[in-house]
Amino acid sequence: MARDARRAGEDAAPESSWRNTVSPRDAGDRQQTAEHKIAPIDLVVVNLYPFEATAAKPDLTPVDLIENIDIGGPAMVRSAAKNFESVAVVTDPADYAAVASKSKHRAR
């Protein structure tokens, strides 16, 4: 509901503090990130494990299969997606060059 109120232009409290941890946009979050010298993240690039290809291997043991379940990558994508208004997500290596060429924020 808070998200809907903000979209409608009404003043509303953030849904929770975790919502803006990827790319802080409200004054309180920006103040905290500045105090800790944390730069906001506006682009998340994730190279996901090729789980489907790994699972198709005939000699794969259940232990190896479990080890190839990607937990961190989808979690980062989910976190960024919750901040879709200010964070872009790229998961396809074929898109990396195009995104990098259009990015305003280049690594220094």
N, C-alpha and C. Protein backbone atom coordinates (compact mmCIF):
# COMPACT_ATOMS: atom_id res chain seq x y z
N MET A 1 0.81 -1.19 0.00
CA MET A 1 0.00 0.00 0.00
C MET A 1 0.86 1.26 0.00
N ALA A 2 1.97 1.25 0.74
CA ALA A 2 2.84 2.42 0.76
C ALA A 2 3.38 2.71 -0.62
N ARG A 3 3.70 1.67 -1.39
CA ARG A 3 4.22 1.86 -2.74
C ARG A 3 3.15 2.54 -3.59
N ASP A 4 1.89 2.11 -3.48
CA ASP A 4 0.81 2.71 -4.26
C ASP A 4 0.60 4.17 -3.87
N ALA A 5 0.72 4.47 -2.58
CA ALA A 5 0.54 5.85 -2.13
C ALA A 5 1.64 6.74 -2.70
N ARG A 6 2.86 6.25 -2.73
CA ARG A 6 3.95 7.05 -3.28
C ARG A 6 3.76 7.28 -4.76
N ARG A 7 3.28 6.28 -5.47
CA ARG A 7 3.05 6.45 -6.90
C ARG A 7 1.97 7.49 -7.15
N ALA A 8 1.02 7.56 -6.26
CA ALA A 8 -0.07 8.52 -6.42
C ALA A 8 0.35 9.92 -6.00
N GLY A 9 1.58 10.07 -5.50
CA GLY A 9 2.08 11.38 -5.11
C GLY A 9 1.84 11.73 -3.66
N GLU A 10 1.27 10.83 -2.89
CA GLU A 10 1.03 11.09 -1.49
C GLU A 10 2.29 10.77 -0.69
N ASP A 11 2.45 11.44 0.43
CA ASP A 11 3.59 11.18 1.29
C ASP A 11 3.31 9.91 2.09
N ALA A 12 4.20 8.94 1.98
CA ALA A 12 4.01 7.68 2.69
C ALA A 12 5.36 7.20 3.21
N ALA A 13 5.34 6.51 4.33
CA ALA A 13 6.56 5.93 4.88
C ALA A 13 7.00 4.77 4.02
N PRO A 14 8.32 4.50 3.96
CA PRO A 14 8.78 3.34 3.20
C PRO A 14 8.19 2.06 3.76
N GLU A 15 7.99 1.06 2.89
CA GLU A 15 7.43 -0.22 3.33
C GLU A 15 8.30 -0.85 4.40
N SER A 16 9.59 -0.82 4.20
CA SER A 16 10.53 -1.32 5.20
C SER A 16 11.92 -0.88 4.78
N SER A 17 12.85 -0.94 5.71
CA SER A 17 14.19 -0.46 5.40
C SER A 17 14.91 -1.34 4.37
N TRP A 18 14.59 -2.64 4.30
CA TRP A 18 15.29 -3.52 3.35
C TRP A 18 14.93 -3.19 1.92
N ARG A 19 13.79 -2.60 1.67
CA ARG A 19 13.33 -2.36 0.31
C ARG A 19 14.31 -1.49 -0.47
N ASN A 20 14.99 -0.58 0.18
CA ASN A 20 15.85 0.36 -0.52
C ASN A 20 17.33 0.10 -0.31
N THR A 21 17.71 -1.08 0.11
CA THR A 21 19.12 -1.31 0.38
C THR A 21 19.96 -1.41 -0.88
N VAL A 22 19.39 -1.83 -1.99
CA VAL A 22 20.18 -1.93 -3.22
C VAL A 22 20.48 -0.54 -3.75
N SER A 23 19.50 0.30 -3.84
CA SER A 23 19.67 1.64 -4.36
C SER A 23 18.85 2.61 -3.53
N PRO A 24 19.44 3.16 -2.47
CA PRO A 24 18.68 3.99 -1.54
C PRO A 24 18.21 5.28 -2.20
N ARG A 25 16.94 5.55 -2.13
CA ARG A 25 16.40 6.73 -2.77
C ARG A 25 15.74 7.70 -1.80
N ASP A 26 15.37 7.26 -0.58
CA ASP A 26 14.77 8.23 0.32
C ASP A 26 15.87 8.87 1.18
N ALA A 27 15.55 9.99 1.78
CA ALA A 27 16.56 10.79 2.49
C ALA A 27 17.25 10.02 3.60
N GLY A 28 16.50 9.25 4.37
CA GLY A 28 17.09 8.48 5.47
C GLY A 28 18.07 7.43 4.98
N ASP A 29 17.70 6.73 3.92
CA ASP A 29 18.60 5.71 3.36
C ASP A 29 19.84 6.36 2.76
N ARG A 30 19.67 7.48 2.08
CA ARG A 30 20.83 8.18 1.49
C ARG A 30 21.77 8.67 2.59
N GLN A 31 21.21 9.14 3.70
CA GLN A 31 22.05 9.60 4.80
C GLN A 31 22.86 8.45 5.38
N GLN A 32 22.22 7.31 5.59
CA GLN A 32 22.93 6.15 6.13
C GLN A 32 24.02 5.66 5.19
N THR A 33 23.73 5.60 3.91
CA THR A 33 24.75 5.13 2.97
C THR A 33 25.90 6.12 2.88
N ALA A 34 25.61 7.40 2.98
CA ALA A 34 26.68 8.42 2.96
C ALA A 34 27.55 8.29 4.21
N GLU A 35 26.94 8.08 5.35
CA GLU A 35 27.69 7.92 6.61
C GLU A 35 28.66 6.75 6.52
N HIS A 36 28.26 5.69 5.84
CA HIS A 36 29.09 4.50 5.73
C HIS A 36 29.88 4.43 4.43
N LYS A 37 29.81 5.54 3.67
CA LYS A 37 30.54 5.65 2.40
C LYS A 37 30.18 4.49 1.44
N ILE A 38 28.88 4.20 1.34
CA ILE A 38 28.38 3.14 0.46
C ILE A 38 27.75 3.82 -0.76
N ALA A 39 28.26 3.50 -1.93
CA ALA A 39 27.70 4.06 -3.16
C ALA A 39 26.41 3.33 -3.52
N PRO A 40 25.41 4.05 -4.00
CA PRO A 40 24.18 3.36 -4.41
C PRO A 40 24.43 2.46 -5.62
N ILE A 41 23.69 1.39 -5.70
CA ILE A 41 23.82 0.45 -6.81
C ILE A 41 22.64 0.66 -7.74
N ASP A 42 22.92 0.96 -9.01
CA ASP A 42 21.83 1.15 -9.95
C ASP A 42 21.87 0.15 -11.10
N LEU A 43 22.86 -0.73 -11.08
CA LEU A 43 22.97 -1.77 -12.10
C LEU A 43 23.46 -3.05 -11.44
N VAL A 44 22.71 -4.14 -11.62
CA VAL A 44 23.11 -5.43 -11.09
C VAL A 44 23.30 -6.37 -12.28
N VAL A 45 24.51 -6.91 -12.40
CA VAL A 45 24.85 -7.84 -13.47
C VAL A 45 25.11 -9.19 -12.83
N VAL A 46 24.33 -10.19 -13.22
CA VAL A 46 24.42 -11.50 -12.59
C VAL A 46 24.62 -12.56 -13.67
N ASN A 47 25.63 -13.38 -13.47
CA ASN A 47 25.90 -14.49 -14.37
C ASN A 47 25.41 -15.75 -13.66
N LEU A 48 24.21 -16.19 -14.00
CA LEU A 48 23.58 -17.32 -13.31
C LEU A 48 24.22 -18.66 -13.71
N TYR A 49 24.23 -19.59 -12.77
CA TYR A 49 24.74 -20.94 -13.05
C TYR A 49 23.90 -21.59 -14.15
N PRO A 50 24.51 -22.36 -15.02
CA PRO A 50 23.76 -23.07 -16.06
C PRO A 50 23.15 -24.36 -15.49
N PHE A 51 22.23 -24.21 -14.56
CA PHE A 51 21.70 -25.36 -13.83
C PHE A 51 21.06 -26.40 -14.74
N GLU A 52 20.28 -25.96 -15.70
CA GLU A 52 19.59 -26.91 -16.58
C GLU A 52 20.58 -27.79 -17.34
N ALA A 53 21.65 -27.17 -17.84
CA ALA A 53 22.67 -27.94 -18.56
C ALA A 53 23.40 -28.88 -17.62
N THR A 54 23.67 -28.42 -16.42
CA THR A 54 24.35 -29.26 -15.43
C THR A 54 23.47 -30.45 -15.03
N ALA A 55 22.19 -30.18 -14.81
CA ALA A 55 21.26 -31.23 -14.39
C ALA A 55 21.08 -32.30 -15.46
N ALA A 56 21.33 -31.96 -16.71
CA ALA A 56 21.16 -32.91 -17.81
C ALA A 56 22.34 -33.88 -17.95
N LYS A 57 23.41 -33.65 -17.22
CA LYS A 57 24.57 -34.54 -17.31
C LYS A 57 24.21 -35.91 -16.73
N PRO A 58 24.47 -36.98 -17.47
CA PRO A 58 24.05 -38.31 -17.01
C PRO A 58 24.81 -38.83 -15.80
N ASP A 59 26.04 -38.39 -15.60
CA ASP A 59 26.84 -38.91 -14.49
C ASP A 59 26.80 -38.03 -13.25
N LEU A 60 25.89 -37.09 -13.19
CA LEU A 60 25.81 -36.16 -12.08
C LEU A 60 25.22 -36.82 -10.84
N THR A 61 25.90 -36.67 -9.72
CA THR A 61 25.38 -37.22 -8.47
C THR A 61 24.41 -36.22 -7.84
N PRO A 62 23.54 -36.69 -6.97
CA PRO A 62 22.64 -35.76 -6.29
C PRO A 62 23.38 -34.66 -5.52
N VAL A 63 24.51 -35.02 -4.93
CA VAL A 63 25.30 -34.02 -4.19
C VAL A 63 25.81 -32.94 -5.14
N ASP A 64 26.33 -33.35 -6.31
CA ASP A 64 26.80 -32.38 -7.30
C ASP A 64 25.65 -31.52 -7.82
N LEU A 65 24.51 -32.12 -8.01
CA LEU A 65 23.35 -31.37 -8.47
C LEU A 65 22.98 -30.28 -7.48
N ILE A 66 22.93 -30.65 -6.21
CA ILE A 66 22.60 -29.68 -5.16
C ILE A 66 23.63 -28.56 -5.11
N GLU A 67 24.90 -28.90 -5.28
CA GLU A 67 25.96 -27.88 -5.27
C GLU A 67 25.83 -26.88 -6.40
N ASN A 68 25.16 -27.26 -7.47
CA ASN A 68 25.01 -26.38 -8.62
C ASN A 68 23.71 -25.59 -8.63
N ILE A 69 22.97 -25.65 -7.54
CA ILE A 69 21.78 -24.81 -7.42
C ILE A 69 22.26 -23.41 -7.06
N ASP A 70 21.95 -22.46 -7.91
CA ASP A 70 22.38 -21.08 -7.70
C ASP A 70 21.43 -20.40 -6.71
N ILE A 71 21.96 -19.97 -5.60
CA ILE A 71 21.16 -19.29 -4.59
C ILE A 71 21.44 -17.79 -4.61
N GLY A 72 22.70 -17.42 -4.67
CA GLY A 72 23.07 -16.02 -4.62
C GLY A 72 22.61 -15.22 -5.82
N GLY A 73 22.77 -15.78 -7.01
CA GLY A 73 22.38 -15.05 -8.22
C GLY A 73 20.91 -14.68 -8.24
N PRO A 74 20.01 -15.64 -8.07
CA PRO A 74 18.59 -15.29 -8.04
C PRO A 74 18.23 -14.34 -6.89
N ALA A 75 18.92 -14.46 -5.77
CA ALA A 75 18.65 -13.55 -4.65
C ALA A 75 19.01 -12.12 -5.02
N MET A 76 20.13 -11.94 -5.73
CA MET A 76 20.52 -10.59 -6.16
C MET A 76 19.54 -10.05 -7.19
N VAL A 77 19.10 -10.90 -8.12
CA VAL A 77 18.11 -10.47 -9.12
C VAL A 77 16.82 -10.07 -8.42
N ARG A 78 16.39 -10.85 -7.45
CA ARG A 78 15.15 -10.54 -6.72
C ARG A 78 15.27 -9.22 -5.96
N SER A 79 16.39 -9.01 -5.31
CA SER A 79 16.61 -7.76 -4.58
C SER A 79 16.57 -6.57 -5.52
N ALA A 80 17.25 -6.69 -6.65
CA ALA A 80 17.25 -5.60 -7.62
C ALA A 80 15.86 -5.38 -8.21
N ALA A 81 15.13 -6.45 -8.46
CA ALA A 81 13.79 -6.33 -9.03
C ALA A 81 12.84 -5.60 -8.10
N LYS A 82 13.05 -5.75 -6.80
CA LYS A 82 12.22 -5.04 -5.84
C LYS A 82 12.47 -3.54 -5.91
N ASN A 83 13.58 -3.16 -6.52
CA ASN A 83 13.93 -1.76 -6.69
C ASN A 83 13.89 -1.37 -8.16
N PHE A 84 12.95 -1.97 -8.89
CA PHE A 84 12.90 -1.82 -10.35
C PHE A 84 12.84 -0.38 -10.82
N GLU A 85 12.36 0.52 -9.99
CA GLU A 85 12.25 1.91 -10.41
C GLU A 85 13.62 2.59 -10.53
N SER A 86 14.63 2.03 -9.87
CA SER A 86 15.93 2.70 -9.88
C SER A 86 17.12 1.77 -10.14
N VAL A 87 16.84 0.48 -10.37
CA VAL A 87 17.92 -0.49 -10.57
C VAL A 87 17.64 -1.33 -11.81
N ALA A 88 18.64 -1.42 -12.68
CA ALA A 88 18.54 -2.27 -13.86
C ALA A 88 19.21 -3.60 -13.56
N VAL A 89 18.69 -4.68 -14.15
CA VAL A 89 19.25 -6.02 -13.95
C VAL A 89 19.60 -6.60 -15.31
N VAL A 90 20.81 -7.16 -15.42
CA VAL A 90 21.24 -7.81 -16.64
C VAL A 90 21.69 -9.22 -16.27
N THR A 91 21.09 -10.23 -16.90
CA THR A 91 21.45 -11.62 -16.61
C THR A 91 21.97 -12.37 -17.83
N ASP A 92 21.86 -11.78 -18.99
CA ASP A 92 22.27 -12.45 -20.22
C ASP A 92 23.63 -11.92 -20.66
N PRO A 93 24.67 -12.77 -20.65
CA PRO A 93 25.99 -12.31 -21.09
C PRO A 93 25.98 -11.68 -22.49
N ALA A 94 25.05 -12.06 -23.33
CA ALA A 94 24.96 -11.47 -24.67
C ALA A 94 24.59 -9.99 -24.62
N ASP A 95 24.04 -9.54 -23.49
CA ASP A 95 23.64 -8.14 -23.34
C ASP A 95 24.70 -7.27 -22.66
N TYR A 96 25.74 -7.87 -22.12
CA TYR A 96 26.72 -7.12 -21.34
C TYR A 96 27.35 -5.97 -22.13
N ALA A 97 27.79 -6.22 -23.34
CA ALA A 97 28.47 -5.18 -24.13
C ALA A 97 27.54 -4.02 -24.43
N ALA A 98 26.31 -4.32 -24.81
CA ALA A 98 25.36 -3.25 -25.13
C ALA A 98 25.06 -2.40 -23.90
N VAL A 99 24.89 -3.04 -22.77
CA VAL A 99 24.60 -2.31 -21.54
C VAL A 99 25.82 -1.48 -21.13
N ALA A 100 26.99 -2.06 -21.22
CA ALA A 100 28.21 -1.33 -20.85
C ALA A 100 28.42 -0.11 -21.74
N SER A 101 28.10 -0.22 -23.02
CA SER A 101 28.32 0.90 -23.92
C SER A 101 27.34 2.05 -23.65
N LYS A 102 26.19 1.73 -23.05
CA LYS A 102 25.19 2.75 -22.77
C LYS A 102 25.23 3.25 -21.33
N SER A 103 26.03 2.63 -20.52
CA SER A 103 26.07 2.98 -19.11
C SER A 103 26.70 4.34 -18.88
N LYS A 104 26.10 5.12 -18.02
CA LYS A 104 26.66 6.42 -17.66
C LYS A 104 27.73 6.26 -16.60
N HIS A 105 27.67 5.15 -15.87
CA HIS A 105 28.58 4.91 -14.76
C HIS A 105 29.61 3.88 -15.16
N ARG A 106 30.76 4.32 -15.55
CA ARG A 106 31.81 3.38 -15.97
C ARG A 106 32.81 3.19 -14.84
N ALA A 107 33.35 1.99 -14.78
CA ALA A 107 34.36 1.70 -13.76
C ALA A 107 35.58 2.57 -14.00
N ARG A 108 36.14 3.04 -12.90
CA ARG A 108 37.31 3.92 -13.03
C ARG A 108 38.54 3.21 -12.57
